[in-house]
Amino acid sequence: MALCLCASKKGAFLFMPKKCIICAAEAIYAIKDSSESYCQECAEEQFSELDVLEKIS
């Protein structure tokens, strides 16, 4: 798991990547307009089409 260092006009800050709501691995997909996020494996198991999910960074 990596911490991300971001810079803005107000200063630098660290944030943790989102975690999968099922297995707690780093998430790469999320349901649009929702806080639910999924790793690759759990997204493939839960959804027949990954097109319904947003890819997050």
PDB file of N, CA and C in Angstrom:
ATOM      1  N   MET A   1       0.848  -1.162   0.000  1.00  0.00           N
ATOM      2  CA  MET A   1       0.000   0.000   0.000  1.00  0.00           C
ATOM      3  C   MET A   1       0.897   1.229   0.000  1.00  0.00           C
ATOM      4  N   ALA A   2       0.619   2.173  -0.852  1.00  0.00           N
ATOM      5  CA  ALA A   2       1.439   3.361  -0.965  1.00  0.00           C
ATOM      6  C   ALA A   2       0.676   4.582  -0.480  1.00  0.00           C
ATOM      7  N   LEU A   3       1.406   5.480   0.136  1.00  0.00           N
ATOM      8  CA  LEU A   3       0.834   6.777   0.490  1.00  0.00           C
ATOM      9  C   LEU A   3       1.097   7.720  -0.665  1.00  0.00           C
ATOM     10  N   CYS A   4       0.182   8.590  -0.927  1.00  0.00           N
ATOM     11  CA  CYS A   4       0.345   9.548  -2.013  1.00  0.00           C
ATOM     12  C   CYS A   4       0.596  10.930  -1.430  1.00  0.00           C
ATOM     13  N   LEU A   5       1.580  11.622  -1.946  1.00  0.00           N
ATOM     14  CA  LEU A   5       1.876  12.981  -1.531  1.00  0.00           C
ATOM     15  C   LEU A   5       1.342  13.912  -2.598  1.00  0.00           C
ATOM     16  N   CYS A   6       0.442  14.777  -2.211  1.00  0.00           N
ATOM     17  CA  CYS A   6      -0.165  15.711  -3.157  1.00  0.00           C
ATOM     18  C   CYS A   6       0.155  17.132  -2.728  1.00  0.00           C
ATOM     19  N   ALA A   7       0.306  17.981  -3.700  1.00  0.00           N
ATOM     20  CA  ALA A   7       0.571  19.386  -3.416  1.00  0.00           C
ATOM     21  C   ALA A   7      -0.573  20.233  -3.942  1.00  0.00           C
ATOM     22  N   SER A   8      -0.912  21.236  -3.206  1.00  0.00           N
ATOM     23  CA  SER A   8      -1.940  22.180  -3.636  1.00  0.00           C
ATOM     24  C   SER A   8      -1.496  23.571  -3.230  1.00  0.00           C
ATOM     25  N   LYS A   9      -2.284  24.558  -3.557  1.00  0.00           N
ATOM     26  CA  LYS A   9      -1.950  25.934  -3.185  1.00  0.00           C
ATOM     27  C   LYS A   9      -1.942  26.114  -1.670  1.00  0.00           C
ATOM     28  N   LYS A  10      -2.653  25.251  -0.962  1.00  0.00           N
ATOM     29  CA  LYS A  10      -2.728  25.353   0.492  1.00  0.00           C
ATOM     30  C   LYS A  10      -1.634  24.541   1.179  1.00  0.00           C
ATOM     31  N   GLY A  11      -0.803  23.817   0.420  1.00  0.00           N
ATOM     32  CA  GLY A  11       0.278  23.034   0.997  1.00  0.00           C
ATOM     33  C   GLY A  11       0.226  21.590   0.545  1.00  0.00           C
ATOM     34  N   ALA A  12       1.155  20.804   1.032  1.00  0.00           N
ATOM     35  CA  ALA A  12       1.224  19.384   0.669  1.00  0.00           C
ATOM     36  C   ALA A  12       0.474  18.565   1.711  1.00  0.00           C
ATOM     37  N   PHE A  13      -0.069  17.446   1.282  1.00  0.00           N
ATOM     38  CA  PHE A  13      -0.763  16.563   2.207  1.00  0.00           C
ATOM     39  C   PHE A  13      -0.646  15.116   1.731  1.00  0.00           C
ATOM     40  N   LEU A  14      -0.780  14.193   2.650  1.00  0.00           N
ATOM     41  CA  LEU A  14      -0.745  12.758   2.350  1.00  0.00           C
ATOM     42  C   LEU A  14      -2.154  12.204   2.387  1.00  0.00           C
ATOM     43  N   PHE A  15      -2.438  11.240   1.534  1.00  0.00           N
ATOM     44  CA  PHE A  15      -3.720  10.549   1.628  1.00  0.00           C
ATOM     45  C   PHE A  15      -3.525   9.079   1.321  1.00  0.00           C
ATOM     46  N   MET A  16      -4.391   8.266   1.884  1.00  0.00           N
ATOM     47  CA  MET A  16      -4.345   6.826   1.677  1.00  0.00           C
ATOM     48  C   MET A  16      -5.213   6.488   0.473  1.00  0.00           C
ATOM     49  N   PRO A  17      -4.780   5.550  -0.341  1.00  0.00           N
ATOM     50  CA  PRO A  17      -5.624   5.124  -1.465  1.00  0.00           C
ATOM     51  C   PRO A  17      -6.886   4.455  -0.948  1.00  0.00           C
ATOM     52  N   LYS A  18      -7.941   4.479  -1.749  1.00  0.00           N
ATOM     53  CA  LYS A  18      -9.192   3.823  -1.361  1.00  0.00           C
ATOM     54  C   LYS A  18      -8.980   2.322  -1.284  1.00  0.00           C
ATOM     55  N   LYS A  19      -9.761   1.678  -0.422  1.00  0.00           N
ATOM     56  CA  LYS A  19      -9.667   0.230  -0.247  1.00  0.00           C
ATOM     57  C   LYS A  19     -10.949  -0.434  -0.713  1.00  0.00           C
ATOM     58  N   CYS A  20     -10.817  -1.647  -1.171  1.00  0.00           N
ATOM     59  CA  CYS A  20     -11.941  -2.473  -1.590  1.00  0.00           C
ATOM     60  C   CYS A  20     -12.845  -2.731  -0.389  1.00  0.00           C
ATOM     61  N   ILE A  21     -14.163  -2.582  -0.567  1.00  0.00           N
ATOM     62  CA  ILE A  21     -15.082  -2.786   0.549  1.00  0.00           C
ATOM     63  C   ILE A  21     -15.243  -4.267   0.904  1.00  0.00           C
ATOM     64  N   ILE A  22     -14.759  -5.159   0.049  1.00  0.00           N
ATOM     65  CA  ILE A  22     -14.903  -6.594   0.303  1.00  0.00           C
ATOM     66  C   ILE A  22     -13.645  -7.179   0.940  1.00  0.00           C
ATOM     67  N   CYS A  23     -12.477  -6.927   0.330  1.00  0.00           N
ATOM     68  CA  CYS A  23     -11.252  -7.584   0.806  1.00  0.00           C
ATOM     69  C   CYS A  23     -10.195  -6.625   1.354  1.00  0.00           C
ATOM     70  N   ALA A  24     -10.429  -5.329   1.277  1.00  0.00           N
ATOM     71  CA  ALA A  24      -9.520  -4.286   1.786  1.00  0.00           C
ATOM     72  C   ALA A  24      -8.252  -4.099   0.961  1.00  0.00           C
ATOM     73  N   ALA A  25      -8.169  -4.709  -0.220  1.00  0.00           N
ATOM     74  CA  ALA A  25      -7.037  -4.454  -1.124  1.00  0.00           C
ATOM     75  C   ALA A  25      -7.205  -3.048  -1.722  1.00  0.00           C
ATOM     76  N   GLU A  26      -6.164  -2.542  -2.347  1.00  0.00           N
ATOM     77  CA  GLU A  26      -6.263  -1.216  -2.966  1.00  0.00           C
ATOM     78  C   GLU A  26      -7.309  -1.244  -4.080  1.00  0.00           C
ATOM     79  N   ALA A  27      -8.233  -0.308  -4.024  1.00  0.00           N
ATOM     80  CA  ALA A  27      -9.340  -0.260  -4.983  1.00  0.00           C
ATOM     81  C   ALA A  27      -8.938   0.452  -6.263  1.00  0.00           C
ATOM     82  N   ILE A  28      -9.466  -0.047  -7.382  1.00  0.00           N
ATOM     83  CA  ILE A  28      -9.248   0.623  -8.660  1.00  0.00           C
ATOM     84  C   ILE A  28     -10.558   0.948  -9.368  1.00  0.00           C
ATOM     85  N   TYR A  29     -11.675   0.473  -8.809  1.00  0.00           N
ATOM     86  CA  TYR A  29     -12.997   0.760  -9.369  1.00  0.00           C
ATOM     87  C   TYR A  29     -13.921   1.262  -8.270  1.00  0.00           C
ATOM     88  N   ALA A  30     -14.874   2.100  -8.651  1.00  0.00           N
ATOM     89  CA  ALA A  30     -15.886   2.595  -7.714  1.00  0.00           C
ATOM     90  C   ALA A  30     -17.223   2.703  -8.435  1.00  0.00           C
ATOM     91  N   ILE A  31     -18.290   2.564  -7.663  1.00  0.00           N
ATOM     92  CA  ILE A  31     -19.622   2.792  -8.209  1.00  0.00           C
ATOM     93  C   ILE A  31     -19.799   4.293  -8.346  1.00  0.00           C
ATOM     94  N   LYS A  32     -20.317   4.743  -9.473  1.00  0.00           N
ATOM     95  CA  LYS A  32     -20.505   6.172  -9.714  1.00  0.00           C
ATOM     96  C   LYS A  32     -21.359   6.794  -8.624  1.00  0.00           C
ATOM     97  N   ASP A  33     -20.937   7.949  -8.131  1.00  0.00           N
ATOM     98  CA  ASP A  33     -21.639   8.712  -7.090  1.00  0.00           C
ATOM     99  C   ASP A  33     -21.852   7.909  -5.813  1.00  0.00           C
ATOM    100  N   SER A  34     -20.892   7.066  -5.468  1.00  0.00           N
ATOM    101  CA  SER A  34     -20.984   6.241  -4.268  1.00  0.00           C
ATOM    102  C   SER A  34     -19.602   6.138  -3.630  1.00  0.00           C
ATOM    103  N   SER A  35     -19.579   5.801  -2.361  1.00  0.00           N
ATOM    104  CA  SER A  35     -18.296   5.608  -1.677  1.00  0.00           C
ATOM    105  C   SER A  35     -17.825   4.157  -1.773  1.00  0.00           C
ATOM    106  N   GLU A  36     -18.618   3.284  -2.393  1.00  0.00           N
ATOM    107  CA  GLU A  36     -18.238   1.882  -2.524  1.00  0.00           C
ATOM    108  C   GLU A  36     -17.157   1.719  -3.598  1.00  0.00           C
ATOM    109  N   SER A  37     -16.072   1.050  -3.225  1.00  0.00           N
ATOM    110  CA  SER A  37     -14.974   0.847  -4.167  1.00  0.00           C
ATOM    111  C   SER A  37     -14.509  -0.609  -4.109  1.00  0.00           C
ATOM    112  N   TYR A  38     -13.887  -1.062  -5.215  1.00  0.00           N
ATOM    113  CA  TYR A  38     -13.540  -2.472  -5.386  1.00  0.00           C
ATOM    114  C   TYR A  38     -12.171  -2.628  -6.021  1.00  0.00           C
ATOM    115  N   CYS A  39     -11.470  -3.704  -5.646  1.00  0.00           N
ATOM    116  CA  CYS A  39     -10.242  -4.075  -6.340  1.00  0.00           C
ATOM    117  C   CYS A  39     -10.636  -4.771  -7.648  1.00  0.00           C
ATOM    118  N   GLN A  40      -9.671  -5.067  -8.491  1.00  0.00           N
ATOM    119  CA  GLN A  40      -9.939  -5.701  -9.784  1.00  0.00           C
ATOM    120  C   GLN A  40     -10.670  -7.033  -9.617  1.00  0.00           C
ATOM    121  N   GLU A  41     -10.144  -7.892  -8.738  1.00  0.00           N
ATOM    122  CA  GLU A  41     -10.717  -9.231  -8.567  1.00  0.00           C
ATOM    123  C   GLU A  41     -12.157  -9.188  -8.042  1.00  0.00           C
ATOM    124  N   CYS A  42     -12.406  -8.393  -7.029  1.00  0.00           N
ATOM    125  CA  CYS A  42     -13.757  -8.316  -6.464  1.00  0.00           C
ATOM    126  C   CYS A  42     -14.734  -7.653  -7.436  1.00  0.00           C
ATOM    127  N   ALA A  43     -14.272  -6.665  -8.194  1.00  0.00           N
ATOM    128  CA  ALA A  43     -15.139  -6.021  -9.184  1.00  0.00           C
ATOM    129  C   ALA A  43     -15.571  -7.031 -10.243  1.00  0.00           C
ATOM    130  N   GLU A  44     -14.646  -7.855 -10.700  1.00  0.00           N
ATOM    131  CA  GLU A  44     -14.972  -8.872 -11.710  1.00  0.00           C
ATOM    132  C   GLU A  44     -15.944  -9.908 -11.160  1.00  0.00           C
ATOM    133  N   GLU A  45     -15.809 -10.247  -9.873  1.00  0.00           N
ATOM    134  CA  GLU A  45     -16.712 -11.218  -9.255  1.00  0.00           C
ATOM    135  C   GLU A  45     -18.113 -10.649  -9.019  1.00  0.00           C
ATOM    136  N   GLN A  46     -18.195  -9.361  -8.699  1.00  0.00           N
ATOM    137  CA  GLN A  46     -19.468  -8.754  -8.315  1.00  0.00           C
ATOM    138  C   GLN A  46     -20.277  -8.188  -9.481  1.00  0.00           C
ATOM    139  N   PHE A  47     -19.603  -7.806 -10.563  1.00  0.00           N
ATOM    140  CA  PHE A  47     -20.269  -7.131 -11.672  1.00  0.00           C
ATOM    141  C   PHE A  47     -19.996  -7.867 -12.981  1.00  0.00           C
ATOM    142  N   SER A  48     -21.047  -8.103 -13.753  1.00  0.00           N
ATOM    143  CA  SER A  48     -20.862  -8.776 -15.039  1.00  0.00           C
ATOM    144  C   SER A  48     -20.203  -7.844 -16.056  1.00  0.00           C
ATOM    145  N   GLU A  49     -20.431  -6.551 -15.938  1.00  0.00           N
ATOM    146  CA  GLU A  49     -19.842  -5.547 -16.833  1.00  0.00           C
ATOM    147  C   GLU A  49     -19.105  -4.505 -16.000  1.00  0.00           C
ATOM    148  N   LEU A  50     -17.811  -4.381 -16.185  1.00  0.00           N
ATOM    149  CA  LEU A  50     -17.054  -3.374 -15.455  1.00  0.00           C
ATOM    150  C   LEU A  50     -17.317  -1.969 -15.978  1.00  0.00           C
ATOM    151  N   ASP A  51     -18.001  -1.864 -17.113  1.00  0.00           N
ATOM    152  CA  ASP A  51     -18.325  -0.548 -17.678  1.00  0.00           C
ATOM    153  C   ASP A  51     -19.250   0.261 -16.777  1.00  0.00           C
ATOM    154  N   VAL A  52     -19.962  -0.406 -15.860  1.00  0.00           N
ATOM    155  CA  VAL A  52     -20.858   0.314 -14.960  1.00  0.00           C
ATOM    156  C   VAL A  52     -20.097   0.985 -13.821  1.00  0.00           C
ATOM    157  N   LEU A  53     -18.788   0.694 -13.718  1.00  0.00           N
ATOM    158  CA  LEU A  53     -17.960   1.266 -12.662  1.00  0.00           C
ATOM    159  C   LEU A  53     -17.035   2.343 -13.201  1.00  0.00           C
ATOM    160  N   GLU A  54     -16.627   3.244 -12.321  1.00  0.00           N
ATOM    161  CA  GLU A  54     -15.642   4.267 -12.669  1.00  0.00           C
ATOM    162  C   GLU A  54     -14.263   3.765 -12.260  1.00  0.00           C
ATOM    163  N   LYS A  55     -13.288   3.971 -13.110  1.00  0.00           N
ATOM    164  CA  LYS A  55     -11.913   3.634 -12.752  1.00  0.00           C
ATOM    165  C   LYS A  55     -11.370   4.797 -11.923  1.00  0.00           C
ATOM    166  N   ILE A  56     -10.802   4.475 -10.766  1.00  0.00           N
ATOM    167  CA  ILE A  56     -10.242   5.525  -9.904  1.00  0.00           C
ATOM    168  C   ILE A  56      -8.732   5.400  -9.903  1.00  0.00           C
ATOM    169  N   SER A  57      -8.069   6.476  -9.522  1.00  0.00           N
ATOM    170  CA  SER A  57      -6.609   6.445  -9.507  1.00  0.00           C
ATOM    171  C   SER A  57      -6.080   6.423  -8.100  1.00  0.00           C
TER     172      SER A  57
END
